[in-house]
C-alpha atoms as a PDB file:
ATOM      1  CA  MET A   1     -15.931  13.161 -46.683  1.00  0.00           C
ATOM      2  CA  ASN A   2     -15.545  12.137 -50.325  1.00  0.00           C
ATOM      3  CA  HIS A   3     -12.786   9.710 -49.320  1.00  0.00           C
ATOM      4  CA  GLY A   4     -14.823   8.172 -46.510  1.00  0.00           C
ATOM      5  CA  TYR A   5     -13.058   9.846 -43.606  1.00  0.00           C
ATOM      6  CA  THR A   6     -15.120  10.095 -40.403  1.00  0.00           C
ATOM      7  CA  PRO A   7     -15.727  13.352 -38.522  1.00  0.00           C
ATOM      8  CA  ALA A   8     -13.120  12.478 -35.903  1.00  0.00           C
ATOM      9  CA  GLU A   9     -10.537  11.625 -38.553  1.00  0.00           C
ATOM     10  CA  ILE A  10     -11.202  14.806 -40.510  1.00  0.00           C
ATOM     11  CA  SER A  11     -11.057  17.026 -37.428  1.00  0.00           C
ATOM     12  CA  GLU A  12      -7.749  15.439 -36.399  1.00  0.00           C
ATOM     13  CA  GLU A  13      -6.037  15.936 -39.769  1.00  0.00           C
ATOM     14  CA  LEU A  14      -7.547  19.113 -41.195  1.00  0.00           C
ATOM     15  CA  VAL A  15      -5.283  22.180 -41.100  1.00  0.00           C
ATOM     16  CA  LEU A  16      -5.598  25.672 -42.468  1.00  0.00           C
ATOM     17  CA  PRO A  17      -3.409  26.725 -45.382  1.00  0.00           C
ATOM     18  CA  PRO A  18      -0.319  28.638 -44.181  1.00  0.00           C
ATOM     19  CA  GLY A  19      -1.689  31.947 -45.435  1.00  0.00           C
ATOM     20  CA  LEU A  20      -4.607  31.635 -43.003  1.00  0.00           C
ATOM     21  CA  ALA A  21      -2.917  29.713 -40.197  1.00  0.00           C
ATOM     22  CA  ASN A  22      -0.404  32.543 -39.754  1.00  0.00           C
ATOM     23  CA  ASP A  23      -3.070  35.258 -39.701  1.00  0.00           C
ATOM     24  CA  TRP A  24      -4.057  36.080 -36.116  1.00  0.00           C
ATOM     25  CA  ALA A  25      -7.626  36.926 -37.209  1.00  0.00           C
ATOM     26  CA  ALA A  26      -8.101  33.353 -38.436  1.00  0.00           C
ATOM     27  CA  ARG A  27      -6.868  31.678 -35.246  1.00  0.00           C
ATOM     28  CA  GLY A  28      -9.246  29.624 -33.144  1.00  0.00           C
ATOM     29  CA  TYR A  29      -9.638  31.975 -30.222  1.00  0.00           C
ATOM     30  CA  TYR A  30     -13.385  31.395 -30.203  1.00  0.00           C
ATOM     31  CA  GLY A  31     -14.301  28.558 -32.543  1.00  0.00           C
ATOM     32  CA  THR A  32     -11.939  25.771 -33.573  1.00  0.00           C
ATOM     33  CA  LEU A  33     -11.194  24.145 -36.884  1.00  0.00           C
ATOM     34  CA  SER A  34     -11.706  20.728 -35.267  1.00  0.00           C
ATOM     35  CA  HIS A  35     -15.132  21.650 -33.946  1.00  0.00           C
ATOM     36  CA  ASN A  36     -16.291  23.350 -37.128  1.00  0.00           C
ATOM     37  CA  ALA A  37     -15.119  20.503 -39.363  1.00  0.00           C
ATOM     38  CA  LYS A  38     -17.473  18.155 -37.539  1.00  0.00           C
ATOM     39  CA  ALA A  39     -20.312  20.646 -38.004  1.00  0.00           C
ATOM     40  CA  VAL A  40     -19.642  20.774 -41.746  1.00  0.00           C
ATOM     41  CA  TYR A  41     -19.750  16.967 -41.899  1.00  0.00           C
ATOM     42  CA  GLN A  42     -23.050  16.906 -40.042  1.00  0.00           C
ATOM     43  CA  LYS A  43     -24.565  19.532 -42.327  1.00  0.00           C
ATOM     44  CA  TYR A  44     -23.902  17.475 -45.446  1.00  0.00           C
ATOM     45  CA  LEU A  45     -24.060  13.874 -44.197  1.00  0.00           C
ATOM     46  CA  GLY A  46     -25.755  13.977 -40.805  1.00  0.00           C
ATOM     47  CA  TRP A  47     -24.394  12.593 -37.546  1.00  0.00           C
ATOM     48  CA  TYR A  48     -23.913   8.987 -38.738  1.00  0.00           C
ATOM     49  CA  ASP A  49     -20.318   8.171 -39.710  1.00  0.00           C
ATOM     50  CA  ALA A  50     -21.269   4.974 -41.647  1.00  0.00           C
ATOM     51  CA  ASN A  51     -19.850   2.612 -38.994  1.00  0.00           C
ATOM     52  CA  PRO A  52     -22.853   0.526 -37.890  1.00  0.00           C
ATOM     53  CA  ALA A  53     -21.357   0.117 -34.422  1.00  0.00           C
ATOM     54  CA  ASN A  54     -22.313   3.764 -33.960  1.00  0.00           C
ATOM     55  CA  LEU A  55     -25.786   3.390 -35.434  1.00  0.00           C
ATOM     56  CA  ASN A  56     -27.570   2.373 -32.235  1.00  0.00           C
ATOM     57  CA  PRO A  57     -25.061   2.108 -29.373  1.00  0.00           C
ATOM     58  CA  LEU A  58     -25.972   1.506 -25.742  1.00  0.00           C
ATOM     59  CA  PRO A  59     -26.922   4.566 -23.696  1.00  0.00           C
ATOM     60  CA  GLU A  60     -23.817   6.124 -22.181  1.00  0.00           C
ATOM     61  CA  ARG A  61     -24.519   5.046 -18.610  1.00  0.00           C
ATOM     62  CA  ASP A  62     -25.118   1.408 -19.586  1.00  0.00           C
ATOM     63  CA  ALA A  63     -22.075   1.356 -21.865  1.00  0.00           C
ATOM     64  CA  ALA A  64     -19.879   2.860 -19.149  1.00  0.00           C
ATOM     65  CA  LYS A  65     -20.611   0.012 -16.740  1.00  0.00           C
ATOM     66  CA  LYS A  66     -19.685  -2.520 -19.403  1.00  0.00           C
ATOM     67  CA  TYR A  67     -16.488  -0.645 -20.309  1.00  0.00           C
ATOM     68  CA  VAL A  68     -15.335  -0.551 -16.695  1.00  0.00           C
ATOM     69  CA  GLU A  69     -16.159  -4.236 -16.249  1.00  0.00           C
ATOM     70  CA  TYR A  70     -14.178  -5.130 -19.399  1.00  0.00           C
ATOM     71  CA  PHE A  71     -11.265  -2.957 -18.250  1.00  0.00           C
ATOM     72  CA  GLY A  72     -11.000  -4.950 -15.026  1.00  0.00           C
ATOM     73  CA  GLY A  73     -12.791  -2.632 -12.644  1.00  0.00           C
ATOM     74  CA  ALA A  74     -12.536   1.015 -11.660  1.00  0.00           C
ATOM     75  CA  ALA A  75      -9.374   0.626  -9.581  1.00  0.00           C
ATOM     76  CA  ALA A  76      -7.483  -0.898 -12.515  1.00  0.00           C
ATOM     77  CA  VAL A  77      -8.616   1.838 -14.876  1.00  0.00           C
ATOM     78  CA  ILE A  78      -7.666   4.577 -12.429  1.00  0.00           C
ATOM     79  CA  ALA A  79      -4.202   3.109 -11.859  1.00  0.00           C
ATOM     80  CA  ARG A  80      -3.439   3.026 -15.574  1.00  0.00           C
ATOM     81  CA  ALA A  81      -4.958   6.451 -16.140  1.00  0.00           C
ATOM     82  CA  ARG A  82      -2.714   7.975 -13.462  1.00  0.00           C
ATOM     83  CA  ALA A  83       0.309   6.741 -15.341  1.00  0.00           C
ATOM     84  CA  ASP A  84      -1.065   8.155 -18.600  1.00  0.00           C
ATOM     85  CA  LEU A  85      -1.768  11.497 -16.927  1.00  0.00           C
ATOM     86  CA  ALA A  86       1.877  11.669 -15.864  1.00  0.00           C
ATOM     87  CA  LYS A  87       2.842  11.110 -19.507  1.00  0.00           C
ATOM     88  CA  GLY A  88       0.653  14.008 -20.631  1.00  0.00           C
ATOM     89  CA  GLU A  89      -2.032  11.885 -22.310  1.00  0.00           C
ATOM     90  CA  TYR A  90      -4.782  14.169 -21.079  1.00  0.00           C
ATOM     91  CA  ARG A  91      -7.274  13.502 -23.871  1.00  0.00           C
ATOM     92  CA  TRP A  92      -7.109   9.769 -23.237  1.00  0.00           C
ATOM     93  CA  VAL A  93      -7.376  10.124 -19.468  1.00  0.00           C
ATOM     94  CA  ALA A  94     -10.494  12.279 -19.899  1.00  0.00           C
ATOM     95  CA  GLU A  95     -11.971   9.626 -22.200  1.00  0.00           C
ATOM     96  CA  VAL A  96     -11.426   6.621 -19.926  1.00  0.00           C
ATOM     97  CA  MET A  97     -12.386   8.509 -16.750  1.00  0.00           C
ATOM     98  CA  ARG A  98     -15.595   9.490 -18.481  1.00  0.00           C
ATOM     99  CA  HIS A  99     -16.616   5.828 -18.406  1.00  0.00           C
ATOM    100  CA  VAL A 100     -15.615   5.348 -14.772  1.00  0.00           C
ATOM    101  CA  VAL A 101     -17.500   8.458 -13.656  1.00  0.00           C
ATOM    102  CA  TYR A 102     -20.621   7.372 -15.551  1.00  0.00           C
ATOM    103  CA  ALA A 103     -20.375   3.860 -14.111  1.00  0.00           C
ATOM    104  CA  GLU A 104     -19.605   5.084 -10.575  1.00  0.00           C
ATOM    105  CA  PRO A 105     -20.644   8.748 -10.202  1.00  0.00           C
ATOM    106  CA  SER A 106     -19.656   8.817  -6.520  1.00  0.00           C
ATOM    107  CA  ASN A 107     -16.101   7.541  -7.127  1.00  0.00           C
ATOM    108  CA  THR A 108     -14.161  10.542  -5.799  1.00  0.00           C
ATOM    109  CA  GLU A 109     -10.787   9.281  -7.011  1.00  0.00           C
ATOM    110  CA  ALA A 110     -12.069   8.926 -10.572  1.00  0.00           C
ATOM    111  CA  ARG A 111     -13.748  12.327 -10.458  1.00  0.00           C
ATOM    112  CA  HIS A 112     -10.622  14.111  -9.279  1.00  0.00           C
ATOM    113  CA  LEU A 113      -8.411  12.342 -11.808  1.00  0.00           C
ATOM    114  CA  ALA A 114     -10.801  13.323 -14.610  1.00  0.00           C
ATOM    115  CA  ALA A 115     -10.815  16.890 -13.291  1.00  0.00           C
ATOM    116  CA  ASP A 116      -7.004  16.977 -13.367  1.00  0.00           C
ATOM    117  CA  ALA A 117      -7.071  15.941 -17.024  1.00  0.00           C
ATOM    118  CA  PHE A 118      -9.681  18.579 -17.868  1.00  0.00           C
ATOM    119  CA  ASP A 119      -7.586  21.220 -16.092  1.00  0.00           C
ATOM    120  CA  GLN A 120      -4.636  20.497 -18.341  1.00  0.00           C
ATOM    121  CA  LEU A 121      -6.776  20.393 -21.477  1.00  0.00           C
ATOM    122  CA  GLY A 122      -8.264  23.740 -20.518  1.00  0.00           C
ATOM    123  CA  TYR A 123      -4.907  25.356 -19.873  1.00  0.00           C
ATOM    124  CA  ALA A 124      -3.669  24.183 -23.278  1.00  0.00           C
ATOM    125  CA  SER A 125      -6.706  25.349 -25.267  1.00  0.00           C
ATOM    126  CA  GLU A 126      -6.311  28.315 -27.567  1.00  0.00           C
ATOM    127  CA  ALA A 127     -10.091  28.570 -27.969  1.00  0.00           C
ATOM    128  CA  ALA A 128     -11.840  30.224 -25.050  1.00  0.00           C
ATOM    129  CA  THR A 129     -14.950  28.112 -25.672  1.00  0.00           C
ATOM    130  CA  TRP A 130     -12.996  24.875 -25.284  1.00  0.00           C
ATOM    131  CA  ARG A 131     -11.128  26.190 -22.245  1.00  0.00           C
ATOM    132  CA  ASN A 132     -14.378  27.185 -20.571  1.00  0.00           C
ATOM    133  CA  ALA A 133     -15.943  23.780 -21.275  1.00  0.00           C
ATOM    134  CA  TYR A 134     -12.958  21.900 -19.865  1.00  0.00           C
ATOM    135  CA  LEU A 135     -12.724  24.027 -16.725  1.00  0.00           C
ATOM    136  CA  VAL A 136     -16.468  23.904 -16.036  1.00  0.00           C
ATOM    137  CA  ALA A 137     -16.222  20.110 -16.317  1.00  0.00           C
ATOM    138  CA  ALA A 138     -13.364  20.083 -13.807  1.00  0.00           C
ATOM    139  CA  GLN A 139     -15.385  22.260 -11.440  1.00  0.00           C
ATOM    140  CA  GLU A 140     -18.397  19.969 -11.707  1.00  0.00           C
ATOM    141  CA  LEU A 141     -16.306  16.886 -11.000  1.00  0.00           C
ATOM    142  CA  ARG A 142     -14.816  18.426  -7.848  1.00  0.00           C
ATOM    143  CA  GLN A 143     -17.821  20.333  -6.520  1.00  0.00           C
ATOM    144  CA  GLY A 144     -20.804  18.549  -8.053  1.00  0.00           C
ATOM    145  CA  PRO A 145     -23.186  19.829 -10.736  1.00  0.00           C
ATOM    146  CA  LEU A 146     -24.766  23.250 -10.568  1.00  0.00           C
ATOM    147  CA  ASP A 147     -27.735  23.614  -8.277  1.00  0.00           C
ATOM    148  CA  ALA A 148     -31.001  22.757  -9.960  1.00  0.00           C
ATOM    149  CA  ARG A 149     -32.760  25.831 -11.256  1.00  0.00           C
ATOM    150  CA  PRO A 150     -35.840  26.153 -13.432  1.00  0.00           C
ATOM    151  CA  ALA A 151     -35.195  27.205 -17.008  1.00  0.00           C
ATOM    152  CA  SER A 152     -36.882  30.462 -17.884  1.00  0.00           C
ATOM    153  CA  LEU A 153     -37.174  32.799 -20.800  1.00  0.00           C
ATOM    154  CA  ASP A 154     -35.236  36.035 -20.709  1.00  0.00           C
ATOM    155  CA  PRO A 155     -37.668  38.987 -20.414  1.00  0.00           C
ATOM    156  CA  GLU A 156     -35.591  41.321 -22.596  1.00  0.00           C
ATOM    157  CA  MET A 157     -35.302  38.664 -25.274  1.00  0.00           C
ATOM    158  CA  VAL A 158     -39.053  38.028 -25.237  1.00  0.00           C
ATOM    159  CA  ARG A 159     -39.826  41.746 -25.562  1.00  0.00           C
ATOM    160  CA  ALA A 160     -37.515  42.027 -28.578  1.00  0.00           C
ATOM    161  CA  MET A 161     -38.974  39.041 -30.429  1.00  0.00           C
ATOM    162  CA  ARG A 162     -41.906  38.889 -32.779  1.00  0.00           C
ATOM    163  CA  ALA A 163     -44.846  36.868 -31.484  1.00  0.00           C
ATOM    164  CA  THR A 164     -44.126  34.196 -34.075  1.00  0.00           C
ATOM    165  CA  ASP A 165     -40.594  33.836 -32.703  1.00  0.00           C
ATOM    166  CA  VAL A 166     -41.998  33.527 -29.195  1.00  0.00           C
ATOM    167  CA  PHE A 167     -44.269  30.700 -30.346  1.00  0.00           C
ATOM    168  CA  ASP A 168     -41.215  29.070 -31.937  1.00  0.00           C
ATOM    169  CA  VAL A 169     -39.547  29.077 -28.528  1.00  0.00           C
ATOM    170  CA  LEU A 170     -42.673  27.836 -26.764  1.00  0.00           C
ATOM    171  CA  GLY A 171     -42.778  24.990 -29.267  1.00  0.00           C
ATOM    172  CA  THR A 172     -39.446  23.764 -27.920  1.00  0.00           C
ATOM    173  CA  HIS A 173     -40.968  23.681 -24.422  1.00  0.00           C
ATOM    174  CA  VAL A 174     -43.996  21.546 -25.278  1.00  0.00           C
ATOM    175  CA  ASN A 175     -43.967  18.228 -23.443  1.00  0.00           C
ATOM    176  CA  GLY A 176     -44.774  15.942 -26.374  1.00  0.00           C
ATOM    177  CA  PRO A 177     -46.239  12.931 -24.536  1.00  0.00           C
ATOM    178  CA  ARG A 178     -48.359  15.196 -22.345  1.00  0.00           C
ATOM    179  CA  ALA A 179     -49.770  16.869 -25.444  1.00  0.00           C
ATOM    180  CA  TRP A 180     -50.141  13.816 -27.712  1.00  0.00           C
ATOM    181  CA  SER A 181     -53.868  13.403 -27.199  1.00  0.00           C
ATOM    182  CA  ARG A 182     -54.658  17.116 -27.199  1.00  0.00           C
ATOM    183  CA  GLU A 183     -55.523  19.064 -30.330  1.00  0.00           C
ATOM    184  CA  VAL A 184     -56.492  22.702 -30.520  1.00  0.00           C
ATOM    185  CA  VAL A 185     -56.316  25.728 -32.822  1.00  0.00           C
ATOM    186  CA  VAL A 186     -56.226  29.246 -31.335  1.00  0.00           C
ATOM    187  CA  ASN A 187     -56.089  32.641 -33.042  1.00  0.00           C
ATOM    188  CA  TRP A 188     -53.895  35.250 -31.363  1.00  0.00           C
ATOM    189  CA  SER A 189     -54.204  38.959 -32.164  1.00  0.00           C
ATOM    190  CA  LEU A 190     -51.686  41.333 -30.599  1.00  0.00           C
ATOM    191  CA  THR A 191     -52.195  45.079 -30.412  1.00  0.00           C
ATOM    192  CA  GLY A 192     -49.533  47.763 -30.087  1.00  0.00           C
ATOM    193  CA  ARG A 193     -47.154  46.026 -32.449  1.00  0.00           C
ATOM    194  CA  PRO A 194     -49.988  44.423 -34.421  1.00  0.00           C
ATOM    195  CA  GLU A 195     -49.557  40.728 -35.170  1.00  0.00           C
ATOM    196  CA  GLN A 196     -51.934  37.910 -35.975  1.00  0.00           C
ATOM    197  CA  VAL A 197     -50.943  34.289 -35.478  1.00  0.00           C
ATOM    198  CA  ALA A 198     -52.981  31.109 -35.900  1.00  0.00           C
ATOM    199  CA  VAL A 199     -51.488  28.528 -33.528  1.00  0.00           C
ATOM    200  CA  THR A 200     -52.090  24.772 -33.752  1.00  0.00           C
ATOM    201  CA  LEU A 201     -51.227  22.142 -31.152  1.00  0.00           C
ATOM    202  CA  ARG A 202     -51.448  18.654 -32.654  1.00  0.00           C
ATOM    203  CA  ASN A 203     -49.596  15.345 -32.159  1.00  0.00           C
ATOM    204  CA  GLY A 204     -47.484  16.881 -29.424  1.00  0.00           C
ATOM    205  CA  ALA A 205     -46.110  19.654 -31.644  1.00  0.00           C
ATOM    206  CA  LEU A 206     -46.842  23.362 -31.849  1.00  0.00           C
ATOM    207  CA  THR A 207     -47.028  25.040 -35.262  1.00  0.00           C
ATOM    208  CA  TYR A 208     -48.329  28.387 -36.425  1.00  0.00           C
ATOM    209  CA  VAL A 209     -49.239  30.454 -39.478  1.00  0.00           C
ATOM    210  CA  ALA A 210     -48.225  34.103 -39.297  1.00  0.00           C
ATOM    211  CA  GLY A 211     -50.649  36.817 -40.402  1.00  0.00           C
ATOM    212  CA  ALA A 212     -53.583  34.424 -40.496  1.00  0.00           C
ATOM    213  CA  ARG A 213     -56.802  33.610 -38.669  1.00  0.00           C
ATOM    214  CA  ALA A 214     -57.971  30.007 -38.672  1.00  0.00           C
ATOM    215  CA  ALA A 215     -61.639  29.461 -39.433  1.00  0.00           C
ATOM    216  CA  ASN A 216     -61.690  26.353 -37.215  1.00  0.00           C
ATOM    217  CA  ALA A 217     -60.169  28.013 -34.144  1.00  0.00           C
ATOM    218  CA  ALA A 218     -61.608  26.914 -30.816  1.00  0.00           C
ATOM    219  CA  ALA A 219     -60.788  30.326 -29.356  1.00  0.00           C
ATOM    220  CA  SER A 220     -59.613  33.763 -30.436  1.00  0.00           C
ATOM    221  CA  VAL A 221     -57.495  35.894 -28.112  1.00  0.00           C
ATOM    222  CA  THR A 222     -56.888  39.649 -28.427  1.00  0.00           C
ATOM    223  CA  LEU A 223     -54.437  41.349 -26.081  1.00  0.00           C
ATOM    224  CA  ALA A 224     -51.704  43.966 -25.820  1.00  0.00           C
ATOM    225  CA  ARG A 225     -48.141  42.918 -26.436  1.00  0.00           C
ATOM    226  CA  ASP A 226     -47.130  43.688 -22.830  1.00  0.00           C
ATOM    227  CA  THR A 227     -49.884  41.423 -21.552  1.00  0.00           C
ATOM    228  CA  PHE A 228     -48.818  38.679 -23.952  1.00  0.00           C
ATOM    229  CA  ASP A 229     -45.241  38.947 -22.705  1.00  0.00           C
ATOM    230  CA  GLY A 230     -46.384  38.704 -19.091  1.00  0.00           C
ATOM    231  CA  ILE A 231     -48.368  35.534 -19.784  1.00  0.00           C
ATOM    232  CA  VAL A 232     -45.486  33.938 -21.682  1.00  0.00           C
ATOM    233  CA  LEU A 233     -43.068  34.777 -18.861  1.00  0.00           C
ATOM    234  CA  GLY A 234     -45.434  33.267 -16.285  1.00  0.00           C
ATOM    235  CA  ARG A 235     -46.126  36.542 -14.503  1.00  0.00           C
ATOM    236  CA  GLN A 236     -49.859  35.957 -14.810  1.00  0.00           C
ATOM    237  CA  SER A 237     -52.117  33.322 -16.270  1.00  0.00           C
ATOM    238  CA  LEU A 238     -54.236  33.798 -19.355  1.00  0.00           C
ATOM    239  CA  ALA A 239     -57.347  32.995 -17.294  1.00  0.00           C
ATOM    240  CA  ASP A 240     -56.515  35.734 -14.767  1.00  0.00           C
ATOM    241  CA  ALA A 241     -55.829  38.230 -17.550  1.00  0.00           C
ATOM    242  CA  VAL A 242     -59.270  37.472 -19.009  1.00  0.00           C
ATOM    243  CA  LYS A 243     -60.901  38.025 -15.595  1.00  0.00           C
ATOM    244  CA  GLN A 244     -59.083  41.343 -15.228  1.00  0.00           C
ATOM    245  CA  GLY A 245     -60.446  42.482 -18.581  1.00  0.00           C
ATOM    246  CA  VAL A 246     -57.027  43.014 -20.183  1.00  0.00           C
ATOM    247  CA  VAL A 247     -57.630  40.136 -22.612  1.00  0.00           C
ATOM    248  CA  THR A 248     -60.589  39.752 -24.934  1.00  0.00           C
ATOM    249  CA  LEU A 249     -61.413  36.112 -25.577  1.00  0.00           C
ATOM    250  CA  THR A 250     -64.103  34.538 -27.692  1.00  0.00           C
ATOM    251  CA  GLY A 251     -64.693  30.808 -27.698  1.00  0.00           C
ATOM    252  CA  ASP A 252     -63.354  28.192 -25.290  1.00  0.00           C
ATOM    253  CA  LEU A 253     -61.062  29.527 -22.550  1.00  0.00           C
ATOM    254  CA  SER A 254     -59.723  26.039 -21.748  1.00  0.00           C
ATOM    255  CA  ALA A 255     -58.680  25.644 -25.387  1.00  0.00           C
ATOM    256  CA  ALA A 256     -56.742  28.920 -25.230  1.00  0.00           C
ATOM    257  CA  THR A 257     -54.980  27.948 -22.003  1.00  0.00           C
ATOM    258  CA  LEU A 258     -54.146  24.420 -23.169  1.00  0.00           C
ATOM    259  CA  LEU A 259     -50.853  25.476 -24.719  1.00  0.00           C
ATOM    260  CA  PHE A 260     -49.569  26.726 -21.374  1.00  0.00           C
ATOM    261  CA  ASP A 261     -50.805  23.576 -19.613  1.00  0.00           C
ATOM    262  CA  VAL A 262     -48.552  21.314 -21.707  1.00  0.00           C
ATOM    263  CA  LEU A 263     -45.356  23.347 -21.477  1.00  0.00           C
ATOM    264  CA  ASP A 264     -42.453  21.510 -19.889  1.00  0.00           C
ATOM    265  CA  ARG A 265     -40.666  22.703 -16.781  1.00  0.00           C
ATOM    266  CA  PHE A 266     -37.067  21.554 -16.747  1.00  0.00           C
ATOM    267  CA  ASP A 267     -33.785  21.979 -14.934  1.00  0.00           C
ATOM    268  CA  ALA A 268     -31.334  24.415 -16.543  1.00  0.00           C
ATOM    269  CA  GLY A 269     -28.539  23.351 -14.181  1.00  0.00           C
ATOM    270  CA  PHE A 270     -27.967  19.937 -15.725  1.00  0.00           C
ATOM    271  CA  ALA A 271     -24.750  17.943 -15.320  1.00  0.00           C
ATOM    272  CA  ILE A 272     -22.342  17.764 -18.263  1.00  0.00           C
ATOM    273  CA  VAL A 273     -19.794  15.097 -17.250  1.00  0.00           C
ATOM    274  CA  GLU A 274     -21.838  12.734 -15.114  1.00  0.00           C
ATOM    275  CA  PRO A 275     -25.216  11.002 -15.366  1.00  0.00           C
ATOM    276  CA  ARG A 276     -28.151  13.377 -15.099  1.00  0.00           C
ATOM    277  CA  ARG A 277     -30.103  13.381 -11.904  1.00  0.00           C
ATOM    278  CA  GLN A 278     -32.727  10.681 -11.652  1.00  0.00           C
ATOM    279  CA  LYS A 279     -36.238  12.058 -11.189  1.00  0.00           C
END
């Protein structure tokens, strides 16, 4: 980094000292030196590699169409890529087929050629994580992306987390634009494993203060931890829990339920090597 090398250049050239490279415990069976070197760069300097061409590039789908047009069309790219595949240039074939697949997602010939390249990259990978990524990509290209399925929280994980951690996760599910014009503060008090959390929804973002009660809260909610988990997991609504008498609520019920009204529902079976499904 001090010499101005980019993440890709560093990851290509960096090697372990012999004393570590020859130690089986330091081999890249899970992580890789290439992958981790890029993470180190990003930690210290961020994602930008100082080349302004990478500062604000076209979205991948738009760029792909231009690439294929400049290359002379999909058929020309595929013909050259087949020759490169035969020469063992699997990384390059995966790169150029990426553009063809993004430009023409239904091009079966391009998809299968890209899958063949990913197969070989997977077979040659020492790291299981890389091998899995390559082979899942090949599967997607041949069989299509995974079936759409709603993302959901894991019940065991939720039960093991503190309430503050649960609100951290819920914060990543807030649909920002849907919540932009909404502002509310709610106090949550959990019994069993006692916790108090003052939660604020403002400017499309959820924040909280642990162990506190906000004086300006629009509502205060008291409930058992099991009931809280059930509401978070979508097994029952907060309004129904109040009607059943398992939740004590003072203040504005609609303010307390607002957080759950602005949570995003999204597809956990997204594509990884082709354009995402258009809604």
